[in-house]
């Protein structure tokens, strides 16, 4: 699972840079300030979790369901949170808002919180 986490870390990092540049240079002219801020929030959270997965992928020895769960929650949470924001913002800018993406953002956020909570629990167990 460490290798999968590292692959997603690299994917999130690379696409985060691409999406950030796309937002700053292309979408800046097409989106409202509010839409651009939402898009940037998705990019920030994606990049934060790319870095977390990178560090954890190198540091955590995966020998338990708990550690596997942390990786899965952070990966799925990032996909649901950030990519649903991208979809909502871009579809809204084209006046074809994909409403089914709306509930995915808070669900992704919840998965991220659970992943961080399990990581904290793992650290407490190590005390």
Protein backbone atom coordinates (compact mmCIF):
# COMPACT_ATOMS: atom_id res chain seq x y z
CA UNK A 1 0.00 0.00 0.00
CA UNK A 2 2.95 2.35 0.53
CA UNK A 3 3.67 2.25 -3.20
CA UNK A 4 0.05 3.13 -4.00
CA UNK A 5 0.20 6.05 -1.57
CA UNK A 6 3.39 7.27 -3.23
CA UNK A 7 1.86 6.97 -6.71
CA UNK A 8 -1.14 9.03 -5.57
CA UNK A 9 1.16 11.53 -3.86
CA UNK A 10 2.99 12.06 -7.14
CA UNK A 11 -0.27 12.17 -9.13
CA UNK A 12 -1.86 14.68 -6.73
CA UNK A 13 1.32 16.79 -6.74
CA UNK A 14 1.66 16.87 -10.52
CA UNK A 15 -2.02 17.53 -11.22
CA UNK A 16 -2.14 20.07 -8.39
CA UNK A 17 0.58 22.08 -10.12
CA UNK A 18 -1.21 21.76 -13.48
CA UNK A 19 -4.60 22.71 -12.03
CA UNK A 20 -3.09 25.59 -10.07
CA UNK A 21 -1.45 27.02 -13.18
CA UNK A 22 -4.62 26.41 -15.20
CA UNK A 23 -6.65 28.29 -12.60
CA UNK A 24 -4.20 31.18 -12.33
CA UNK A 25 -3.72 31.71 -16.05
CA UNK A 26 -6.69 30.34 -17.98
CA UNK A 27 -9.61 30.28 -15.59
CA UNK A 28 -8.82 33.66 -14.03
CA UNK A 29 -10.47 35.29 -17.05
CA UNK A 30 -13.51 33.00 -17.06
CA UNK A 31 -14.42 32.55 -13.38
CA UNK A 32 -15.85 34.89 -10.79
CA UNK A 33 -13.66 35.63 -7.76
CA UNK A 34 -15.79 33.27 -5.67
CA UNK A 35 -15.46 30.46 -8.21
CA UNK A 36 -11.71 31.03 -8.48
CA UNK A 37 -11.34 30.91 -4.68
CA UNK A 38 -13.25 27.62 -4.59
CA UNK A 39 -11.05 26.19 -7.33
CA UNK A 40 -7.94 27.31 -5.44
CA UNK A 41 -9.26 25.64 -2.27
CA UNK A 42 -9.44 22.36 -4.16
CA UNK A 43 -5.87 22.82 -5.39
CA UNK A 44 -4.58 23.67 -1.90
CA UNK A 45 -6.18 20.65 -0.26
CA UNK A 46 -4.94 18.43 -3.06
CA UNK A 47 -1.37 19.68 -2.63
CA UNK A 48 -1.49 19.41 1.17
CA UNK A 49 -2.53 15.79 0.92
CA UNK A 50 0.02 15.04 -1.82
CA UNK A 51 2.71 16.07 0.65
CA UNK A 52 1.15 14.13 3.53
CA UNK A 53 0.88 10.97 1.43
CA UNK A 54 4.46 11.41 0.27
CA UNK A 55 5.79 11.67 3.82
CA UNK A 56 3.60 8.87 5.16
CA UNK A 57 4.38 6.65 2.19
CA UNK A 58 8.06 6.81 3.06
CA UNK A 59 7.67 6.78 6.85
CA UNK A 60 4.87 4.37 7.74
CA UNK A 61 5.60 0.68 7.60
CA UNK A 62 2.29 -0.75 6.52
CA UNK A 63 1.65 -3.72 8.69
CA UNK A 64 -1.87 -3.08 9.85
CA UNK A 65 -5.39 -2.42 8.71
CA UNK A 66 -5.22 0.89 10.56
CA UNK A 67 -2.36 2.18 8.42
CA UNK A 68 -3.99 0.94 5.22
CA UNK A 69 -7.20 2.71 6.27
CA UNK A 70 -5.34 6.00 6.77
CA UNK A 71 -3.97 5.87 3.24
CA UNK A 72 -7.32 4.91 1.72
CA UNK A 73 -9.20 7.64 3.58
CA UNK A 74 -6.69 10.31 2.57
CA UNK A 75 -6.67 9.21 -1.07
CA UNK A 76 -10.44 8.85 -1.45
CA UNK A 77 -11.07 11.98 0.58
CA UNK A 78 -8.77 14.03 -1.64
CA UNK A 79 -10.35 12.70 -4.82
CA UNK A 80 -13.89 13.35 -3.62
CA UNK A 81 -13.13 16.73 -2.05
CA UNK A 82 -10.84 18.41 -4.57
CA UNK A 83 -12.08 16.87 -7.80
CA UNK A 84 -15.74 17.51 -6.94
CA UNK A 85 -14.86 21.17 -6.37
CA UNK A 86 -13.16 21.30 -9.78
CA UNK A 87 -16.21 19.73 -11.40
CA UNK A 88 -18.65 22.02 -9.62
CA UNK A 89 -16.72 25.19 -10.45
CA UNK A 90 -16.08 24.33 -14.10
CA UNK A 91 -19.61 23.11 -14.74
CA UNK A 92 -21.07 26.17 -13.00
CA UNK A 93 -18.90 28.47 -15.11
CA UNK A 94 -20.40 26.82 -18.20
CA UNK A 95 -23.95 27.21 -16.82
CA UNK A 96 -24.36 23.43 -16.60
CA UNK A 97 -23.77 22.84 -12.88
CA UNK A 98 -23.33 19.15 -12.09
CA UNK A 99 -25.40 19.09 -8.92
CA UNK A 100 -24.66 15.44 -8.15
CA UNK A 101 -21.11 16.55 -7.26
CA UNK A 102 -22.37 18.78 -4.44
CA UNK A 103 -22.67 16.04 -1.78
CA UNK A 104 -19.28 14.59 -2.73
CA UNK A 105 -17.36 17.60 -1.42
CA UNK A 106 -18.43 17.28 2.23
CA UNK A 107 -18.17 13.49 2.02
CA UNK A 108 -14.57 13.90 0.83
CA UNK A 109 -13.94 16.33 3.66
CA UNK A 110 -15.34 13.84 6.15
CA UNK A 111 -13.06 11.11 4.80
CA UNK A 112 -10.08 13.44 5.15
CA UNK A 113 -11.00 14.22 8.76
CA UNK A 114 -11.36 10.50 9.48
CA UNK A 115 -7.96 9.82 7.91
CA UNK A 116 -6.34 12.51 10.05
CA UNK A 117 -8.19 11.21 13.11
CA UNK A 118 -6.88 7.69 12.52
CA UNK A 119 -3.39 9.10 12.03
CA UNK A 120 -3.65 10.86 15.39
CA UNK A 121 -4.89 7.61 16.96
CA UNK A 122 -1.89 5.79 15.47
CA UNK A 123 0.46 8.36 16.99
CA UNK A 124 -1.25 8.09 20.38
CA UNK A 125 -0.82 4.31 20.28
CA UNK A 126 2.91 4.83 19.72
CA UNK A 127 3.26 6.89 22.94
